[in-house]
Amino acid sequence: MKKRTRARELALQFLYQHDLVAMPVEKADDFLREEEKDVETRRFAKRLLEGTLEHQTELDEVIQSVAQNWNISRMAVIDRNVLRLATHELLHCTDIPPKVAINEAIEIGKRYSTQNSGAFINGILDKIMNRTAGKAKSGAAGEGAED
């Protein structure tokens, strides 16, 4: 398994615990050390965890804005946290190609949730990616118009 895939899985596992039983964020380092020996994998997992938790309110609002007929609090816990993680990557991790973030989220959703989760996750993340790309284009167009 690739290191970044493994890191995403570790981040998801911690987010799941954090969501269900209010696992304190301070326990993240201990959790990662217990679950993974590779320092690089732990470092990437921690980066994803910290960013997702730091921006959780914003991420939930973005997800909710595109999730037609779905309230984020009623989504399956795994799906909700996969979406948070991937949305963080789409919005805040410029070094990760959007299609990679989406494909990884789909595969992790299928692996840890239901077969239908892949399509659900794909639909929501695709809308977020397209909105983000649209905003970036309109922002760039607006910048050029002012010159």
C-alpha atoms as a PDB file:
ATOM      1  CA  MET A   1       0.000   0.000   0.000  1.00  0.00           C
ATOM      2  CA  LYS A   2       1.236   3.475  -0.851  1.00  0.00           C
ATOM      3  CA  LYS A   3       2.362   5.652   2.038  1.00  0.00           C
ATOM      4  CA  ARG A   4      -0.114   8.448   1.302  1.00  0.00           C
ATOM      5  CA  THR A   5      -2.998   5.997   0.999  1.00  0.00           C
ATOM      6  CA  ARG A   6      -2.016   4.521   4.341  1.00  0.00           C
ATOM      7  CA  ALA A   7      -1.758   8.019   5.826  1.00  0.00           C
ATOM      8  CA  ARG A   8      -5.266   8.862   4.606  1.00  0.00           C
ATOM      9  CA  GLU A   9      -6.593   5.672   6.177  1.00  0.00           C
ATOM     10  CA  LEU A  10      -4.945   6.511   9.489  1.00  0.00           C
ATOM     11  CA  ALA A  11      -6.345  10.040   9.360  1.00  0.00           C
ATOM     12  CA  LEU A  12      -9.808   8.618   8.649  1.00  0.00           C
ATOM     13  CA  GLN A  13      -9.541   6.181  11.555  1.00  0.00           C
ATOM     14  CA  PHE A  14      -8.659   8.980  13.945  1.00  0.00           C
ATOM     15  CA  LEU A  15     -11.378  11.287  12.563  1.00  0.00           C
ATOM     16  CA  TYR A  16     -13.885   8.470  12.998  1.00  0.00           C
ATOM     17  CA  GLN A  17     -12.938   8.071  16.662  1.00  0.00           C
ATOM     18  CA  HIS A  18     -12.883  11.833  17.148  1.00  0.00           C
ATOM     19  CA  ASP A  19     -16.378  12.110  15.628  1.00  0.00           C
ATOM     20  CA  LEU A  20     -17.953   9.226  17.547  1.00  0.00           C
ATOM     21  CA  VAL A  21     -16.370   9.372  20.981  1.00  0.00           C
ATOM     22  CA  ALA A  22     -14.786  12.826  20.996  1.00  0.00           C
ATOM     23  CA  MET A  23     -11.265  11.407  20.876  1.00  0.00           C
ATOM     24  CA  PRO A  24      -9.103  14.334  22.017  1.00  0.00           C
ATOM     25  CA  VAL A  25      -6.930  15.820  19.281  1.00  0.00           C
ATOM     26  CA  GLU A  26      -3.983  15.609  21.678  1.00  0.00           C
ATOM     27  CA  LYS A  27      -4.149  11.813  21.321  1.00  0.00           C
ATOM     28  CA  ALA A  28      -3.377  11.963  17.581  1.00  0.00           C
ATOM     29  CA  ASP A  29       0.394  11.583  17.994  1.00  0.00           C
ATOM     30  CA  ASP A  30       0.023   8.566  20.280  1.00  0.00           C
ATOM     31  CA  PHE A  31      -2.529   6.986  17.939  1.00  0.00           C
ATOM     32  CA  LEU A  32      -0.307   7.475  14.885  1.00  0.00           C
ATOM     33  CA  ARG A  33       2.794   6.142  16.661  1.00  0.00           C
ATOM     34  CA  GLU A  34       0.898   3.025  17.764  1.00  0.00           C
ATOM     35  CA  GLU A  35      -0.536   2.369  14.307  1.00  0.00           C
ATOM     36  CA  GLU A  36       2.332   3.257  11.966  1.00  0.00           C
ATOM     37  CA  LYS A  37       6.089   2.873  12.149  1.00  0.00           C
ATOM     38  CA  ASP A  38       6.959   4.935   9.045  1.00  0.00           C
ATOM     39  CA  VAL A  39       7.691   8.553  10.032  1.00  0.00           C
ATOM     40  CA  GLU A  40       6.815  10.002   6.616  1.00  0.00           C
ATOM     41  CA  THR A  41       3.414   8.282   6.641  1.00  0.00           C
ATOM     42  CA  ARG A  42       2.703   9.544  10.160  1.00  0.00           C
ATOM     43  CA  ARG A  43       3.754  13.068   9.196  1.00  0.00           C
ATOM     44  CA  PHE A  44       1.369  13.171   6.209  1.00  0.00           C
ATOM     45  CA  ALA A  45      -1.468  11.663   8.270  1.00  0.00           C
ATOM     46  CA  LYS A  46      -0.950  14.303  10.960  1.00  0.00           C
ATOM     47  CA  ARG A  47      -0.919  17.079   8.356  1.00  0.00           C
ATOM     48  CA  LEU A  48      -4.261  15.846   7.005  1.00  0.00           C
ATOM     49  CA  LEU A  49      -5.733  15.408  10.485  1.00  0.00           C
ATOM     50  CA  GLU A  50      -4.711  18.827  11.743  1.00  0.00           C
ATOM     51  CA  GLY A  51      -5.941  20.590   8.603  1.00  0.00           C
ATOM     52  CA  THR A  52      -9.248  18.732   8.562  1.00  0.00           C
ATOM     53  CA  LEU A  53      -9.937  19.448  12.231  1.00  0.00           C
ATOM     54  CA  GLU A  54      -8.783  23.068  11.971  1.00  0.00           C
ATOM     55  CA  HIS A  55     -11.117  23.755   9.033  1.00  0.00           C
ATOM     56  CA  GLN A  56     -13.955  21.388  10.003  1.00  0.00           C
ATOM     57  CA  THR A  57     -16.650  24.070  10.223  1.00  0.00           C
ATOM     58  CA  GLU A  58     -15.753  25.420   6.783  1.00  0.00           C
ATOM     59  CA  LEU A  59     -15.498  21.899   5.331  1.00  0.00           C
ATOM     60  CA  ASP A  60     -18.910  20.932   6.716  1.00  0.00           C
ATOM     61  CA  GLU A  61     -20.459  24.077   5.214  1.00  0.00           C
ATOM     62  CA  VAL A  62     -18.951  23.358   1.793  1.00  0.00           C
ATOM     63  CA  ILE A  63     -20.069  19.713   1.885  1.00  0.00           C
ATOM     64  CA  GLN A  64     -23.547  20.697   3.060  1.00  0.00           C
ATOM     65  CA  SER A  65     -23.871  23.277   0.283  1.00  0.00           C
ATOM     66  CA  VAL A  66     -23.531  20.600  -2.422  1.00  0.00           C
ATOM     67  CA  ALA A  67     -25.129  17.611  -0.676  1.00  0.00           C
ATOM     68  CA  GLN A  68     -28.652  17.753  -2.039  1.00  0.00           C
ATOM     69  CA  ASN A  69     -31.227  16.249   0.312  1.00  0.00           C
ATOM     70  CA  TRP A  70     -28.516  15.195   2.775  1.00  0.00           C
ATOM     71  CA  ASN A  71     -27.781  16.755   6.115  1.00  0.00           C
ATOM     72  CA  ILE A  72     -24.145  16.206   7.053  1.00  0.00           C
ATOM     73  CA  SER A  73     -25.104  15.072  10.554  1.00  0.00           C
ATOM     74  CA  ARG A  74     -27.219  12.273   9.059  1.00  0.00           C
ATOM     75  CA  MET A  75     -24.521  10.931   6.745  1.00  0.00           C
ATOM     76  CA  ALA A  76     -22.754   7.708   7.655  1.00  0.00           C
ATOM     77  CA  VAL A  77     -19.837   8.534   9.966  1.00  0.00           C
ATOM     78  CA  ILE A  78     -17.259   7.051   7.587  1.00  0.00           C
ATOM     79  CA  ASP A  79     -18.695   8.871   4.561  1.00  0.00           C
ATOM     80  CA  ARG A  80     -18.850  12.171   6.436  1.00  0.00           C
ATOM     81  CA  ASN A  81     -15.221  11.929   7.507  1.00  0.00           C
ATOM     82  CA  VAL A  82     -13.970  10.755   4.117  1.00  0.00           C
ATOM     83  CA  LEU A  83     -15.718  13.808   2.646  1.00  0.00           C
ATOM     84  CA  ARG A  84     -14.168  16.126   5.236  1.00  0.00           C
ATOM     85  CA  LEU A  85     -10.705  14.734   4.600  1.00  0.00           C
ATOM     86  CA  ALA A  86     -10.970  14.938   0.808  1.00  0.00           C
ATOM     87  CA  THR A  87     -12.596  18.377   0.885  1.00  0.00           C
ATOM     88  CA  HIS A  88      -9.680  19.588   2.999  1.00  0.00           C
ATOM     89  CA  GLU A  89      -7.309  18.221   0.363  1.00  0.00           C
ATOM     90  CA  LEU A  90      -9.279  19.921  -2.436  1.00  0.00           C
ATOM     91  CA  LEU A  91      -9.434  23.303  -0.730  1.00  0.00           C
ATOM     92  CA  HIS A  92      -6.208  23.520   1.254  1.00  0.00           C
ATOM     93  CA  CYS A  93      -3.596  21.111  -0.162  1.00  0.00           C
ATOM     94  CA  THR A  94      -2.369  22.647  -3.393  1.00  0.00           C
ATOM     95  CA  ASP A  95       0.343  19.997  -3.714  1.00  0.00           C
ATOM     96  CA  ILE A  96      -2.280  17.240  -4.133  1.00  0.00           C
ATOM     97  CA  PRO A  97      -3.979  17.012  -7.541  1.00  0.00           C
ATOM     98  CA  PRO A  98      -7.777  17.196  -7.115  1.00  0.00           C
ATOM     99  CA  LYS A  99      -8.365  13.978  -9.060  1.00  0.00           C
ATOM    100  CA  VAL A 100      -5.958  12.118  -6.762  1.00  0.00           C
ATOM    101  CA  ALA A 101      -7.782  13.384  -3.664  1.00  0.00           C
ATOM    102  CA  ILE A 102     -11.136  12.345  -5.134  1.00  0.00           C
ATOM    103  CA  ASN A 103      -9.989   8.911  -6.330  1.00  0.00           C
ATOM    104  CA  GLU A 104      -8.372   8.142  -2.993  1.00  0.00           C
ATOM    105  CA  ALA A 105     -11.547   9.205  -1.157  1.00  0.00           C
ATOM    106  CA  ILE A 106     -13.717   7.003  -3.384  1.00  0.00           C
ATOM    107  CA  GLU A 107     -11.523   3.956  -2.815  1.00  0.00           C
ATOM    108  CA  ILE A 108     -11.299   4.515   0.938  1.00  0.00           C
ATOM    109  CA  GLY A 109     -15.070   5.005   1.093  1.00  0.00           C
ATOM    110  CA  LYS A 110     -15.642   1.730  -0.740  1.00  0.00           C
ATOM    111  CA  ARG A 111     -13.151  -0.074   1.487  1.00  0.00           C
ATOM    112  CA  TYR A 112     -14.443   1.177   4.827  1.00  0.00           C
ATOM    113  CA  SER A 113     -18.098   1.964   4.209  1.00  0.00           C
ATOM    114  CA  THR A 114     -20.475   0.526   1.595  1.00  0.00           C
ATOM    115  CA  GLN A 115     -20.167  -0.124  -2.126  1.00  0.00           C
ATOM    116  CA  ASN A 116     -22.650   2.735  -2.670  1.00  0.00           C
ATOM    117  CA  SER A 117     -20.398   5.112  -0.740  1.00  0.00           C
ATOM    118  CA  GLY A 118     -18.047   5.433  -3.682  1.00  0.00           C
ATOM    119  CA  ALA A 119     -20.722   6.955  -5.932  1.00  0.00           C
ATOM    120  CA  PHE A 120     -22.033   9.161  -3.120  1.00  0.00           C
ATOM    121  CA  ILE A 121     -18.541  10.464  -2.274  1.00  0.00           C
ATOM    122  CA  ASN A 122     -17.684  10.939  -5.951  1.00  0.00           C
ATOM    123  CA  GLY A 123     -20.824  12.983  -6.601  1.00  0.00           C
ATOM    124  CA  ILE A 124     -20.245  15.364  -3.729  1.00  0.00           C
ATOM    125  CA  LEU A 125     -16.506  15.805  -4.274  1.00  0.00           C
ATOM    126  CA  ASP A 126     -16.969  16.314  -8.014  1.00  0.00           C
ATOM    127  CA  LYS A 127     -19.381  19.194  -7.297  1.00  0.00           C
ATOM    128  CA  ILE A 128     -16.942  20.701  -4.802  1.00  0.00           C
ATOM    129  CA  MET A 129     -14.056  20.398  -7.269  1.00  0.00           C
ATOM    130  CA  ASN A 130     -16.091  22.019 -10.046  1.00  0.00           C
ATOM    131  CA  ARG A 131     -17.218  24.860  -7.786  1.00  0.00           C
ATOM    132  CA  THR A 132     -13.676  25.444  -6.614  1.00  0.00           C
ATOM    133  CA  ALA A 133     -12.369  25.438 -10.190  1.00  0.00           C
ATOM    134  CA  GLY A 134     -15.148  27.830 -11.213  1.00  0.00           C
ATOM    135  CA  LYS A 135     -14.302  30.244  -8.416  1.00  0.00           C
ATOM    136  CA  ALA A 136     -10.602  30.105  -9.297  1.00  0.00           C
ATOM    137  CA  LYS A 137     -11.358  30.885 -12.959  1.00  0.00           C
ATOM    138  CA  SER A 138     -13.727  33.756 -12.124  1.00  0.00           C
ATOM    139  CA  GLY A 139     -11.167  35.123  -9.651  1.00  0.00           C
ATOM    140  CA  ALA A 140      -8.425  34.977 -12.263  1.00  0.00           C
ATOM    141  CA  ALA A 141     -10.688  36.622 -14.832  1.00  0.00           C
ATOM    142  CA  GLY A 142     -11.527  39.355 -12.352  1.00  0.00           C
ATOM    143  CA  GLU A 143      -7.855  39.975 -11.630  1.00  0.00           C
ATOM    144  CA  GLY A 144      -7.043  40.351 -15.309  1.00  0.00           C
ATOM    145  CA  ALA A 145      -9.933  42.763 -15.858  1.00  0.00           C
ATOM    146  CA  GLU A 146      -8.520  45.195 -13.313  1.00  0.00           C
ATOM    147  CA  ASP A 147      -5.147  45.566 -15.086  1.00  0.00           C
END
